Amino acid sequence: MTKPPRAIRTRLADVPRHYKALGYALEQFGGEEEYVAAATSTDPRELARVYAVERPFELLENYVIELAHLGLVETGTIGAEDSTTGREDLRSLADNDVITKTLRDRLVELHELRNQLVHEYPDVKAHRLYAASTALLPLVREFMSRYLTWLSDLGFEVPRPAS
């Protein structure tokens, strides 16, 4: 067995840190309404609490898309120079039975939502981001389980998931 390419290993090693950070940041709120209040507050301490959710959400969502792309390049499904979208890469993973179509659809939905959030009003953005962040955690867990199984099936050494 060989190690996956460095770009994949680096992202795989970083996912647990940001996964835990997102979970922790979400726990600091008593629910969506408290999050929205903080997101629309003028208090910099409250905004900082919101940013602690936003950043790991963005990183995790981006890592899923990058890992999908890098894995498809590694298997020769797409070329290293091919310019594909996150939606296309997730579709390819589902078409190759790496992830389920349901998981693909949910990840595509969150990916597109992340891209739309920059244009939202602060209160709308806060509601949507909170919901997306809470939805992302179990999806990342499922994606990583399936992705690591795929890498292992391809003959790569894969890290053992932390409990």
Protein backbone atom coordinates (compact mmCIF):
# COMPACT_ATOMS: atom_id res chain seq x y z
CA MET A 1 0.00 0.00 0.00
CA THR A 2 1.17 3.48 -0.78
CA LYS A 3 0.31 6.78 0.77
CA PRO A 4 -2.19 9.00 -1.02
CA PRO A 5 -0.72 12.05 -2.76
CA ARG A 6 0.42 14.82 -0.45
CA ALA A 7 -2.45 17.15 -1.39
CA ILE A 8 -4.97 14.51 -0.29
CA ARG A 9 -3.04 13.60 2.88
CA THR A 10 -2.80 17.25 3.90
CA ARG A 11 -6.54 17.80 3.59
CA LEU A 12 -7.38 14.50 5.27
CA ALA A 13 -5.20 15.48 8.22
CA ASP A 14 -6.83 18.90 8.48
CA VAL A 15 -10.49 17.86 8.30
CA PRO A 16 -10.76 16.60 11.92
CA ARG A 17 -9.46 19.89 13.33
CA HIS A 18 -12.04 21.96 11.51
CA TYR A 19 -14.79 19.41 12.11
CA LYS A 20 -14.21 19.67 15.85
CA ALA A 21 -13.93 23.47 15.66
CA LEU A 22 -17.28 23.74 13.88
CA GLY A 23 -18.96 21.43 16.39
CA TYR A 24 -17.50 23.40 19.28
CA ALA A 25 -18.46 26.77 17.77
CA LEU A 26 -22.05 25.62 17.22
CA GLU A 27 -22.26 24.40 20.82
CA GLN A 28 -21.57 27.96 22.00
CA PHE A 29 -25.05 28.96 20.84
CA GLY A 30 -28.33 27.98 22.40
CA GLY A 31 -29.84 27.52 18.96
CA GLU A 32 -30.54 29.29 15.73
CA GLU A 33 -32.17 32.39 17.20
CA GLU A 34 -29.19 33.05 19.46
CA TYR A 35 -26.88 32.62 16.49
CA VAL A 36 -28.93 35.03 14.35
CA ALA A 37 -28.95 37.59 17.17
CA ALA A 38 -25.17 37.35 17.42
CA ALA A 39 -24.77 37.59 13.64
CA THR A 40 -26.80 40.79 13.48
CA SER A 41 -25.31 42.32 16.62
CA THR A 42 -23.05 45.35 16.65
CA ASP A 43 -21.08 43.83 19.54
CA PRO A 44 -17.70 42.66 18.19
CA ARG A 45 -17.58 39.81 20.74
CA GLU A 46 -20.85 38.46 19.38
CA LEU A 47 -19.66 38.76 15.79
CA ALA A 48 -16.46 36.93 16.70
CA ARG A 49 -18.58 34.02 17.97
CA VAL A 50 -20.34 33.94 14.60
CA TYR A 51 -17.06 34.00 12.70
CA ALA A 52 -15.98 30.94 14.69
CA VAL A 53 -18.81 29.06 12.95
CA GLU A 54 -18.39 30.57 9.49
CA ARG A 55 -14.71 29.78 8.96
CA PRO A 56 -14.71 26.04 9.74
CA PHE A 57 -17.94 25.69 7.73
CA GLU A 58 -16.21 27.22 4.71
CA LEU A 59 -13.08 25.13 5.18
CA LEU A 60 -14.91 21.84 5.59
CA GLU A 61 -17.17 22.46 2.64
CA ASN A 62 -14.17 23.41 0.53
CA TYR A 63 -12.16 20.37 1.65
CA VAL A 64 -14.99 18.04 0.57
CA ILE A 65 -14.94 19.59 -2.89
CA GLU A 66 -11.12 19.55 -3.09
CA LEU A 67 -10.89 15.93 -1.91
CA ALA A 68 -13.49 14.90 -4.47
CA HIS A 69 -11.52 16.59 -7.24
CA LEU A 70 -8.12 15.31 -6.12
CA GLY A 71 -9.43 11.75 -5.82
CA LEU A 72 -10.91 11.86 -9.30
CA VAL A 73 -7.61 13.16 -10.68
CA GLU A 74 -5.70 10.42 -8.88
CA THR A 75 -7.90 7.70 -10.38
CA GLY A 76 -7.66 9.22 -13.86
CA THR A 77 -11.40 9.89 -13.98
CA ILE A 78 -10.52 13.48 -14.81
CA GLY A 79 -7.27 15.02 -15.92
CA ALA A 80 -5.10 17.11 -13.61
CA GLU A 81 -5.64 20.12 -15.85
CA ASP A 82 -9.40 19.60 -16.19
CA SER A 83 -11.45 22.46 -14.83
CA THR A 84 -14.52 20.93 -13.23
CA THR A 85 -17.05 22.31 -10.79
CA GLY A 86 -17.71 20.99 -7.33
CA ARG A 87 -21.11 19.83 -8.55
CA GLU A 88 -19.49 17.86 -11.40
CA ASP A 89 -16.91 16.28 -9.12
CA LEU A 90 -19.52 15.20 -6.59
CA ARG A 91 -21.65 13.83 -9.43
CA SER A 92 -18.66 11.81 -10.66
CA LEU A 93 -18.11 10.38 -7.18
CA ALA A 94 -21.76 9.33 -7.03
CA ASP A 95 -21.65 7.91 -10.57
CA ASN A 96 -18.65 5.82 -9.49
CA ASP A 97 -20.47 4.63 -6.33
CA VAL A 98 -18.02 6.36 -3.99
CA ILE A 99 -20.83 8.36 -2.38
CA THR A 100 -24.59 7.93 -2.54
CA LYS A 101 -26.74 10.12 -4.74
CA THR A 102 -28.49 11.40 -1.61
CA LEU A 103 -25.17 12.44 -0.08
CA ARG A 104 -24.17 14.01 -3.39
CA ASP A 105 -27.38 16.02 -3.54
CA ARG A 106 -27.02 17.32 0.02
CA LEU A 107 -23.35 18.24 -0.49
CA VAL A 108 -24.14 20.00 -3.78
CA GLU A 109 -26.93 21.91 -2.05
CA LEU A 110 -24.57 23.10 0.71
CA HIS A 111 -21.86 23.93 -1.82
CA GLU A 112 -24.22 26.10 -3.82
CA LEU A 113 -25.59 27.68 -0.66
CA ARG A 114 -22.08 28.62 0.45
CA ASN A 115 -21.53 30.33 -2.88
CA GLN A 116 -24.82 32.24 -2.54
CA LEU A 117 -24.32 33.41 1.06
CA VAL A 118 -21.99 36.26 0.15
CA HIS A 119 -24.95 38.01 -1.48
CA GLU A 120 -27.45 37.58 1.36
CA TYR A 121 -28.69 40.12 3.88
CA PRO A 122 -27.11 39.53 7.31
CA ASP A 123 -30.25 38.13 8.96
CA VAL A 124 -31.08 35.82 6.03
CA LYS A 125 -27.44 34.74 5.80
CA ALA A 126 -27.36 33.95 9.51
CA HIS A 127 -30.45 31.72 9.39
CA ARG A 128 -29.21 29.87 6.31
CA LEU A 129 -25.63 29.51 7.55
CA TYR A 130 -26.68 28.14 10.92
CA ALA A 131 -28.89 25.53 9.27
CA ALA A 132 -26.18 24.66 6.74
CA SER A 133 -23.50 24.36 9.43
CA THR A 134 -25.57 21.99 11.54
CA ALA A 135 -26.41 19.96 8.42
CA LEU A 136 -22.79 19.81 7.26
CA LEU A 137 -21.36 17.95 10.25
CA PRO A 138 -23.07 14.57 9.65
CA LEU A 139 -22.54 14.92 5.91
CA VAL A 140 -18.79 15.43 6.35
CA ARG A 141 -18.67 12.39 8.61
CA GLU A 142 -20.42 10.25 5.99
CA PHE A 143 -18.36 11.68 3.13
CA MET A 144 -15.09 10.99 4.95
CA SER A 145 -16.09 7.43 5.79
CA ARG A 146 -16.94 6.68 2.16
CA TYR A 147 -13.94 8.58 0.80
CA LEU A 148 -11.49 6.74 3.07
CA THR A 149 -13.04 3.41 2.08
CA TRP A 150 -12.62 4.37 -1.58
CA LEU A 151 -8.97 5.31 -1.07
CA SER A 152 -8.37 2.03 0.73
CA ASP A 153 -10.07 0.10 -2.10
CA LEU A 154 -7.72 1.90 -4.51
CA GLY A 155 -4.77 0.53 -2.53
CA PHE A 156 -3.83 3.61 -0.52
CA GLU A 157 -2.96 3.66 3.15
CA VAL A 158 -5.64 5.62 4.88
CA PRO A 159 -5.60 7.21 8.31
CA ARG A 160 -7.78 5.58 10.92
CA PRO A 161 -10.69 7.86 11.76
CA ALA A 162 -10.55 9.39 15.23
CA SER A 163 -13.42 8.58 17.52
